[in-house]
Amino acid sequence: MARKALIKKANSKPKFSTRKINRCKICGRGHGYSREFQICRICFRELASQGMLPGIKKASW
């Protein structure tokens, strides 16, 4: 779980557009972020295994 101060800072409008920080919408994690789903890799894996993401299925072979 990310610190609340960093999440609040990321949600505020940056002075310049290149300073925007992408954070997970669920847990606030900054690394391992997926732009397509706007969540981190850990939350993506949990939601995919629960079947909450349409069109995503956990691979097994």
PDB file of N, CA and C in Angstrom:
ATOM      1  N   MET A   1       0.837  -1.176   0.000  1.00  0.00           N
ATOM      2  CA  MET A   1       0.000   0.000   0.000  1.00  0.00           C
ATOM      3  C   MET A   1       0.880   1.236   0.000  1.00  0.00           C
ATOM      4  N   ALA A   2       0.589   2.164  -0.878  1.00  0.00           N
ATOM      5  CA  ALA A   2       1.370   3.388  -0.994  1.00  0.00           C
ATOM      6  C   ALA A   2       0.995   4.376   0.111  1.00  0.00           C
ATOM      7  N   ARG A   3       1.932   5.274   0.397  1.00  0.00           N
ATOM      8  CA  ARG A   3       1.653   6.303   1.396  1.00  0.00           C
ATOM      9  C   ARG A   3       0.558   7.236   0.895  1.00  0.00           C
ATOM     10  N   LYS A   4      -0.287   7.680   1.803  1.00  0.00           N
ATOM     11  CA  LYS A   4      -1.414   8.537   1.432  1.00  0.00           C
ATOM     12  C   LYS A   4      -0.948   9.864   0.862  1.00  0.00           C
ATOM     13  N   ALA A   5       0.192  10.368   1.337  1.00  0.00           N
ATOM     14  CA  ALA A   5       0.710  11.643   0.836  1.00  0.00           C
ATOM     15  C   ALA A   5       1.112  11.531  -0.631  1.00  0.00           C
ATOM     16  N   LEU A   6       1.702  10.388  -1.024  1.00  0.00           N
ATOM     17  CA  LEU A   6       2.111  10.195  -2.412  1.00  0.00           C
ATOM     18  C   LEU A   6       0.903  10.017  -3.326  1.00  0.00           C
ATOM     19  N   ILE A   7      -0.128   9.352  -2.822  1.00  0.00           N
ATOM     20  CA  ILE A   7      -1.346   9.175  -3.614  1.00  0.00           C
ATOM     21  C   ILE A   7      -2.019  10.527  -3.838  1.00  0.00           C
ATOM     22  N   LYS A   8      -2.078  11.340  -2.795  1.00  0.00           N
ATOM     23  CA  LYS A   8      -2.683  12.669  -2.908  1.00  0.00           C
ATOM     24  C   LYS A   8      -1.886  13.550  -3.859  1.00  0.00           C
ATOM     25  N   LYS A   9      -0.558  13.465  -3.787  1.00  0.00           N
ATOM     26  CA  LYS A   9       0.306  14.246  -4.660  1.00  0.00           C
ATOM     27  C   LYS A   9       0.125  13.838  -6.117  1.00  0.00           C
ATOM     28  N   ALA A  10      -0.038  12.536  -6.377  1.00  0.00           N
ATOM     29  CA  ALA A  10      -0.224  12.041  -7.742  1.00  0.00           C
ATOM     30  C   ALA A  10      -1.583  12.458  -8.297  1.00  0.00           C
ATOM     31  N   ASN A  11      -2.587  12.609  -7.450  1.00  0.00           N
ATOM     32  CA  ASN A  11      -3.924  12.991  -7.902  1.00  0.00           C
ATOM     33  C   ASN A  11      -4.037  14.471  -8.231  1.00  0.00           C
ATOM     34  N   SER A  12      -3.138  15.291  -7.678  1.00  0.00           N
ATOM     35  CA  SER A  12      -3.210  16.731  -7.939  1.00  0.00           C
ATOM     36  C   SER A  12      -2.689  17.023  -9.344  1.00  0.00           C
ATOM     37  N   LYS A  13      -3.111  18.152  -9.895  1.00  0.00           N
ATOM     38  CA  LYS A  13      -2.708  18.536 -11.245  1.00  0.00           C
ATOM     39  C   LYS A  13      -1.257  19.000 -11.217  1.00  0.00           C
ATOM     40  N   PRO A  14      -0.397  18.421 -12.066  1.00  0.00           N
ATOM     41  CA  PRO A  14       1.007  18.827 -12.063  1.00  0.00           C
ATOM     42  C   PRO A  14       1.210  20.177 -12.749  1.00  0.00           C
ATOM     43  N   LYS A  15       2.327  20.820 -12.424  1.00  0.00           N
ATOM     44  CA  LYS A  15       2.659  22.101 -13.037  1.00  0.00           C
ATOM     45  C   LYS A  15       2.913  21.928 -14.534  1.00  0.00           C
ATOM     46  N   PHE A  16       3.567  20.846 -14.893  1.00  0.00           N
ATOM     47  CA  PHE A  16       3.821  20.516 -16.289  1.00  0.00           C
ATOM     48  C   PHE A  16       3.253  19.130 -16.574  1.00  0.00           C
ATOM     49  N   SER A  17       2.770  18.910 -17.790  1.00  0.00           N
ATOM     50  CA  SER A  17       2.075  17.657 -18.097  1.00  0.00           C
ATOM     51  C   SER A  17       3.000  16.440 -18.044  1.00  0.00           C
ATOM     52  N   THR A  18       4.295  16.621 -18.234  1.00  0.00           N
ATOM     53  CA  THR A  18       5.220  15.483 -18.204  1.00  0.00           C
ATOM     54  C   THR A  18       5.490  14.995 -16.791  1.00  0.00           C
ATOM     55  N   ARG A  19       5.071  15.726 -15.803  1.00  0.00           N
ATOM     56  CA  ARG A  19       5.279  15.328 -14.415  1.00  0.00           C
ATOM     57  C   ARG A  19       4.178  14.438 -13.860  1.00  0.00           C
ATOM     58  N   LYS A  20       3.208  14.084 -14.696  1.00  0.00           N
ATOM     59  CA  LYS A  20       2.107  13.241 -14.233  1.00  0.00           C
ATOM     60  C   LYS A  20       2.639  11.876 -13.802  1.00  0.00           C
ATOM     61  N   ILE A  21       2.210  11.403 -12.658  1.00  0.00           N
ATOM     62  CA  ILE A  21       2.632  10.119 -12.120  1.00  0.00           C
ATOM     63  C   ILE A  21       1.470   9.145 -12.227  1.00  0.00           C
ATOM     64  N   ASN A  22       1.714   8.010 -12.871  1.00  0.00           N
ATOM     65  CA  ASN A  22       0.686   6.976 -12.993  1.00  0.00           C
ATOM     66  C   ASN A  22       0.720   6.094 -11.754  1.00  0.00           C
ATOM     67  N   ARG A  23      -0.408   5.940 -11.102  1.00  0.00           N
ATOM     68  CA  ARG A  23      -0.518   5.086  -9.930  1.00  0.00           C
ATOM     69  C   ARG A  23      -1.741   4.197 -10.072  1.00  0.00           C
ATOM     70  N   CYS A  24      -1.677   3.040  -9.437  1.00  0.00           N
ATOM     71  CA  CYS A  24      -2.779   2.077  -9.460  1.00  0.00           C
ATOM     72  C   CYS A  24      -4.019   2.699  -8.824  1.00  0.00           C
ATOM     73  N   LYS A  25      -5.165   2.505  -9.458  1.00  0.00           N
ATOM     74  CA  LYS A  25      -6.422   3.050  -8.934  1.00  0.00           C
ATOM     75  C   LYS A  25      -6.886   2.320  -7.670  1.00  0.00           C
ATOM     76  N   ILE A  26      -6.412   1.096  -7.461  1.00  0.00           N
ATOM     77  CA  ILE A  26      -6.858   0.305  -6.320  1.00  0.00           C
ATOM     78  C   ILE A  26      -5.956   0.493  -5.109  1.00  0.00           C
ATOM     79  N   CYS A  27      -4.646   0.265  -5.298  1.00  0.00           N
ATOM     80  CA  CYS A  27      -3.743   0.278  -4.143  1.00  0.00           C
ATOM     81  C   CYS A  27      -2.792   1.473  -4.116  1.00  0.00           C
ATOM     82  N   GLY A  28      -2.633   2.196  -5.219  1.00  0.00           N
ATOM     83  CA  GLY A  28      -1.771   3.366  -5.243  1.00  0.00           C
ATOM     84  C   GLY A  28      -0.326   3.072  -5.595  1.00  0.00           C
ATOM     85  N   ARG A  29      -0.020   1.850  -5.990  1.00  0.00           N
ATOM     86  CA  ARG A  29       1.344   1.462  -6.330  1.00  0.00           C
ATOM     87  C   ARG A  29       1.812   2.201  -7.585  1.00  0.00           C
ATOM     88  N   GLY A  30       3.066   2.660  -7.573  1.00  0.00           N
ATOM     89  CA  GLY A  30       3.610   3.423  -8.689  1.00  0.00           C
ATOM     90  C   GLY A  30       4.342   2.574  -9.709  1.00  0.00           C
ATOM     91  N   HIS A  31       4.961   1.489  -9.293  1.00  0.00           N
ATOM     92  CA  HIS A  31       5.718   0.627 -10.204  1.00  0.00           C
ATOM     93  C   HIS A  31       4.841  -0.521 -10.691  1.00  0.00           C
ATOM     94  N   GLY A  32       5.170  -1.048 -11.860  1.00  0.00           N
ATOM     95  CA  GLY A  32       4.411  -2.171 -12.417  1.00  0.00           C
ATOM     96  C   GLY A  32       3.019  -1.754 -12.843  1.00  0.00           C
ATOM     97  N   TYR A  33       2.877  -0.540 -13.355  1.00  0.00           N
ATOM     98  CA  TYR A  33       1.583   0.036 -13.710  1.00  0.00           C
ATOM     99  C   TYR A  33       1.233  -0.318 -15.150  1.00  0.00           C
ATOM    100  N   SER A  34      -0.001  -0.725 -15.399  1.00  0.00           N
ATOM    101  CA  SER A  34      -0.486  -1.024 -16.742  1.00  0.00           C
ATOM    102  C   SER A  34      -1.410   0.102 -17.183  1.00  0.00           C
ATOM    103  N   ARG A  35      -1.038   0.785 -18.266  1.00  0.00           N
ATOM    104  CA  ARG A  35      -1.844   1.909 -18.741  1.00  0.00           C
ATOM    105  C   ARG A  35      -3.211   1.467 -19.241  1.00  0.00           C
ATOM    106  N   GLU A  36      -3.251   0.313 -19.872  1.00  0.00           N
ATOM    107  CA  GLU A  36      -4.497  -0.166 -20.469  1.00  0.00           C
ATOM    108  C   GLU A  36      -5.591  -0.375 -19.425  1.00  0.00           C
ATOM    109  N   PHE A  37      -5.212  -0.916 -18.266  1.00  0.00           N
ATOM    110  CA  PHE A  37      -6.191  -1.204 -17.222  1.00  0.00           C
ATOM    111  C   PHE A  37      -6.127  -0.218 -16.061  1.00  0.00           C
ATOM    112  N   GLN A  38      -5.106   0.618 -16.011  1.00  0.00           N
ATOM    113  CA  GLN A  38      -4.888   1.624 -14.969  1.00  0.00           C
ATOM    114  C   GLN A  38      -4.769   1.011 -13.580  1.00  0.00           C
ATOM    115  N   ILE A  39      -4.163  -0.187 -13.526  1.00  0.00           N
ATOM    116  CA  ILE A  39      -3.900  -0.846 -12.245  1.00  0.00           C
ATOM    117  C   ILE A  39      -2.502  -1.456 -12.293  1.00  0.00           C
ATOM    118  N   CYS A  40      -1.970  -1.800 -11.135  1.00  0.00           N
ATOM    119  CA  CYS A  40      -0.636  -2.394 -11.069  1.00  0.00           C
ATOM    120  C   CYS A  40      -0.705  -3.888 -11.382  1.00  0.00           C
ATOM    121  N   ARG A  41       0.461  -4.492 -11.542  1.00  0.00           N
ATOM    122  CA  ARG A  41       0.538  -5.896 -11.933  1.00  0.00           C
ATOM    123  C   ARG A  41      -0.026  -6.827 -10.868  1.00  0.00           C
ATOM    124  N   ILE A  42       0.096  -6.440  -9.598  1.00  0.00           N
ATOM    125  CA  ILE A  42      -0.385  -7.282  -8.503  1.00  0.00           C
ATOM    126  C   ILE A  42      -1.910  -7.292  -8.473  1.00  0.00           C
ATOM    127  N   CYS A  43      -2.506  -6.106  -8.563  1.00  0.00           N
ATOM    128  CA  CYS A  43      -3.971  -6.020  -8.595  1.00  0.00           C
ATOM    129  C   CYS A  43      -4.521  -6.661  -9.869  1.00  0.00           C
ATOM    130  N   PHE A  44      -3.786  -6.509 -10.987  1.00  0.00           N
ATOM    131  CA  PHE A  44      -4.204  -7.135 -12.242  1.00  0.00           C
ATOM    132  C   PHE A  44      -4.270  -8.644 -12.090  1.00  0.00           C
ATOM    133  N   ARG A  45      -3.254  -9.219 -11.478  1.00  0.00           N
ATOM    134  CA  ARG A  45      -3.211 -10.669 -11.303  1.00  0.00           C
ATOM    135  C   ARG A  45      -4.353 -11.155 -10.407  1.00  0.00           C
ATOM    136  N   GLU A  46      -4.603 -10.420  -9.311  1.00  0.00           N
ATOM    137  CA  GLU A  46      -5.683 -10.808  -8.394  1.00  0.00           C
ATOM    138  C   GLU A  46      -7.047 -10.738  -9.082  1.00  0.00           C
ATOM    139  N   LEU A  47      -7.300  -9.641  -9.807  1.00  0.00           N
ATOM    140  CA  LEU A  47      -8.594  -9.483 -10.481  1.00  0.00           C
ATOM    141  C   LEU A  47      -8.760 -10.496 -11.613  1.00  0.00           C
ATOM    142  N   ALA A  48      -7.662 -10.802 -12.322  1.00  0.00           N
ATOM    143  CA  ALA A  48      -7.741 -11.774 -13.410  1.00  0.00           C
ATOM    144  C   ALA A  48      -8.044 -13.173 -12.879  1.00  0.00           C
ATOM    145  N   SER A  49      -7.429 -13.535 -11.762  1.00  0.00           N
ATOM    146  CA  SER A  49      -7.679 -14.867 -11.212  1.00  0.00           C
ATOM    147  C   SER A  49      -9.091 -14.987 -10.643  1.00  0.00           C
ATOM    148  N   GLN A  50      -9.678 -13.867 -10.226  1.00  0.00           N
ATOM    149  CA  GLN A  50     -11.053 -13.876  -9.725  1.00  0.00           C
ATOM    150  C   GLN A  50     -12.066 -13.812 -10.862  1.00  0.00           C
ATOM    151  N   GLY A  51     -11.592 -13.498 -12.087  1.00  0.00           N
ATOM    152  CA  GLY A  51     -12.490 -13.383 -13.233  1.00  0.00           C
ATOM    153  C   GLY A  51     -13.198 -12.055 -13.304  1.00  0.00           C
ATOM    154  N   MET A  52     -12.639 -11.041 -12.692  1.00  0.00           N
ATOM    155  CA  MET A  52     -13.277  -9.725 -12.655  1.00  0.00           C
ATOM    156  C   MET A  52     -12.940  -8.865 -13.880  1.00  0.00           C
ATOM    157  N   LEU A  53     -11.918  -9.234 -14.643  1.00  0.00           N
ATOM    158  CA  LEU A  53     -11.534  -8.479 -15.842  1.00  0.00           C
ATOM    159  C   LEU A  53     -12.102  -9.182 -17.064  1.00  0.00           C
ATOM    160  N   PRO A  54     -12.977  -8.521 -17.822  1.00  0.00           N
ATOM    161  CA  PRO A  54     -13.576  -9.181 -18.989  1.00  0.00           C
ATOM    162  C   PRO A  54     -12.527  -9.418 -20.077  1.00  0.00           C
ATOM    163  N   GLY A  55     -12.528 -10.631 -20.619  1.00  0.00           N
ATOM    164  CA  GLY A  55     -11.623 -10.984 -21.702  1.00  0.00           C
ATOM    165  C   GLY A  55     -10.258 -11.440 -21.249  1.00  0.00           C
ATOM    166  N   ILE A  56      -9.995 -11.469 -19.948  1.00  0.00           N
ATOM    167  CA  ILE A  56      -8.703 -11.884 -19.408  1.00  0.00           C
ATOM    168  C   ILE A  56      -8.880 -13.222 -18.700  1.00  0.00           C
ATOM    169  N   LYS A  57      -8.015 -14.172 -19.048  1.00  0.00           N
ATOM    170  CA  LYS A  57      -8.073 -15.473 -18.435  1.00  0.00           C
ATOM    171  C   LYS A  57      -6.661 -15.873 -18.035  1.00  0.00           C
ATOM    172  N   LYS A  58      -6.495 -16.423 -16.848  1.00  0.00           N
ATOM    173  CA  LYS A  58      -5.174 -16.831 -16.384  1.00  0.00           C
ATOM    174  C   LYS A  58      -4.697 -18.014 -17.234  1.00  0.00           C
ATOM    175  N   ALA A  59      -3.481 -17.881 -17.738  1.00  0.00           N
ATOM    176  CA  ALA A  59      -2.927 -18.924 -18.600  1.00  0.00           C
ATOM    177  C   ALA A  59      -2.490 -20.118 -17.777  1.00  0.00           C
ATOM    178  N   SER A  60      -2.697 -21.304 -18.305  1.00  0.00           N
ATOM    179  CA  SER A  60      -2.198 -22.526 -17.694  1.00  0.00           C
ATOM    180  C   SER A  60      -1.941 -23.531 -18.803  1.00  0.00           C
ATOM    181  N   TRP A  61      -0.751 -24.092 -18.823  1.00  0.00           N
ATOM    182  CA  TRP A  61      -0.419 -25.084 -19.839  1.00  0.00           C
ATOM    183  C   TRP A  61       0.500 -26.134 -19.285  1.00  0.00           C
TER     184      TRP A  61
END
